[in-house]
C-alpha atoms as a PDB file:
ATOM      1  CA  MET A   1       0.000   0.000   0.000  1.00  0.00           C
ATOM      2  CA  ASN A   2       2.946   2.324   0.642  1.00  0.00           C
ATOM      3  CA  HIS A   3       3.995   2.062  -3.017  1.00  0.00           C
ATOM      4  CA  PHE A   4       0.536   3.216  -4.044  1.00  0.00           C
ATOM      5  CA  TRP A   5       0.970   6.571  -2.284  1.00  0.00           C
ATOM      6  CA  LYS A   6       4.371   7.116  -3.911  1.00  0.00           C
ATOM      7  CA  LEU A   7       2.570   7.373  -7.252  1.00  0.00           C
ATOM      8  CA  PHE A   8       1.006  10.645  -6.161  1.00  0.00           C
ATOM      9  CA  ASP A   9       3.962  12.957  -6.491  1.00  0.00           C
ATOM     10  CA  VAL A  10       3.848  16.100  -8.616  1.00  0.00           C
ATOM     11  CA  LYS A  11       5.421  14.661 -11.740  1.00  0.00           C
ATOM     12  CA  SER A  12       3.026  11.711 -11.778  1.00  0.00           C
ATOM     13  CA  ILE A  13       0.014  13.970 -11.339  1.00  0.00           C
ATOM     14  CA  VAL A  14       1.186  16.290 -14.138  1.00  0.00           C
ATOM     15  CA  THR A  15       1.826  13.329 -16.432  1.00  0.00           C
ATOM     16  CA  LEU A  16      -1.559  11.753 -15.745  1.00  0.00           C
ATOM     17  CA  VAL A  17      -3.413  15.035 -16.246  1.00  0.00           C
ATOM     18  CA  LEU A  18      -1.663  15.651 -19.563  1.00  0.00           C
ATOM     19  CA  VAL A  19      -2.335  12.112 -20.804  1.00  0.00           C
ATOM     20  CA  PHE A  20      -6.012  12.302 -19.825  1.00  0.00           C
ATOM     21  CA  ALA A  21      -6.296  15.709 -21.497  1.00  0.00           C
ATOM     22  CA  LEU A  22      -4.711  14.352 -24.673  1.00  0.00           C
ATOM     23  CA  VAL A  23      -7.098  11.395 -24.718  1.00  0.00           C
ATOM     24  CA  PHE A  24     -10.055  13.715 -24.114  1.00  0.00           C
ATOM     25  CA  VAL A  25      -9.007  16.059 -26.926  1.00  0.00           C
ATOM     26  CA  ALA A  26      -8.411  13.136 -29.285  1.00  0.00           C
ATOM     27  CA  MET A  27     -11.816  11.604 -28.519  1.00  0.00           C
ATOM     28  CA  ALA A  28     -13.764  14.873 -28.674  1.00  0.00           C
ATOM     29  CA  ASN A  29     -15.767  15.415 -31.795  1.00  0.00           C
ATOM     30  CA  LYS A  30     -15.034  19.126 -31.895  1.00  0.00           C
ATOM     31  CA  LYS A  31     -13.015  20.534 -34.755  1.00  0.00           C
ATOM     32  CA  MET A  32      -9.498  21.498 -33.679  1.00  0.00           C
ATOM     33  CA  ASP A  33      -6.676  23.033 -35.627  1.00  0.00           C
ATOM     34  CA  GLU A  34      -4.269  20.300 -36.653  1.00  0.00           C
ATOM     35  CA  ASN A  35      -1.211  22.344 -35.672  1.00  0.00           C
ATOM     36  CA  VAL A  36      -2.554  22.954 -32.146  1.00  0.00           C
ATOM     37  CA  PHE A  37      -3.253  19.252 -31.665  1.00  0.00           C
ATOM     38  CA  LEU A  38       0.192  18.346 -32.987  1.00  0.00           C
ATOM     39  CA  LEU A  39       1.864  20.836 -30.648  1.00  0.00           C
ATOM     40  CA  PHE A  40      -0.107  19.580 -27.651  1.00  0.00           C
ATOM     41  CA  SER A  41       0.622  15.917 -28.402  1.00  0.00           C
ATOM     42  CA  ASN A  42       4.330  16.709 -28.802  1.00  0.00           C
ATOM     43  CA  VAL A  43       4.402  18.502 -25.447  1.00  0.00           C
ATOM     44  CA  VAL A  44       2.728  15.539 -23.740  1.00  0.00           C
ATOM     45  CA  THR A  45       5.236  13.175 -25.336  1.00  0.00           C
ATOM     46  CA  MET A  46       8.167  15.340 -24.210  1.00  0.00           C
ATOM     47  CA  VAL A  47       6.916  15.512 -20.622  1.00  0.00           C
ATOM     48  CA  ILE A  48       6.393  11.747 -20.430  1.00  0.00           C
ATOM     49  CA  THR A  49       9.820  11.060 -21.948  1.00  0.00           C
ATOM     50  CA  TYR A  50      11.535  13.471 -19.576  1.00  0.00           C
ATOM     51  CA  PHE A  51       9.957  11.986 -16.457  1.00  0.00           C
ATOM     52  CA  PHE A  52      10.569   8.362 -17.425  1.00  0.00           C
ATOM     53  CA  ALA A  53      14.172   9.023 -18.505  1.00  0.00           C
ATOM     54  CA  LYS A  54      14.863  10.957 -15.310  1.00  0.00           C
ATOM     55  CA  LYS A  55      13.452   8.151 -13.161  1.00  0.00           C
ATOM     56  CA  ASN A  56      15.626   5.550 -14.878  1.00  0.00           C
ATOM     57  CA  ASN A  57      18.755   7.674 -14.495  1.00  0.00           C
ATOM     58  CA  GLU A  58      18.121   8.146 -10.770  1.00  0.00           C
ATOM     59  CA  LYS A  59      17.870   4.362 -10.298  1.00  0.00           C
ATOM     60  CA  ASN A  60      21.102   3.764 -12.208  1.00  0.00           C
ATOM     61  CA  GLU A  61      23.040   6.269 -10.084  1.00  0.00           C
ATOM     62  CA  SER A  62      22.042   4.688  -6.761  1.00  0.00           C
END
């Protein structure tokens, strides 16, 4: 149960919110500019990559 609460740090919350927002925008039937969607999806991908790469590097150093 202790590992469950470790999931709720700031970077996990930010990542989950961005992923849910991306899924919501992708599933919405509203018309959206293609460039805005592309920019948003790229930002979400960069944030996820940064957090996962940082977590792996911290484990390797210890």
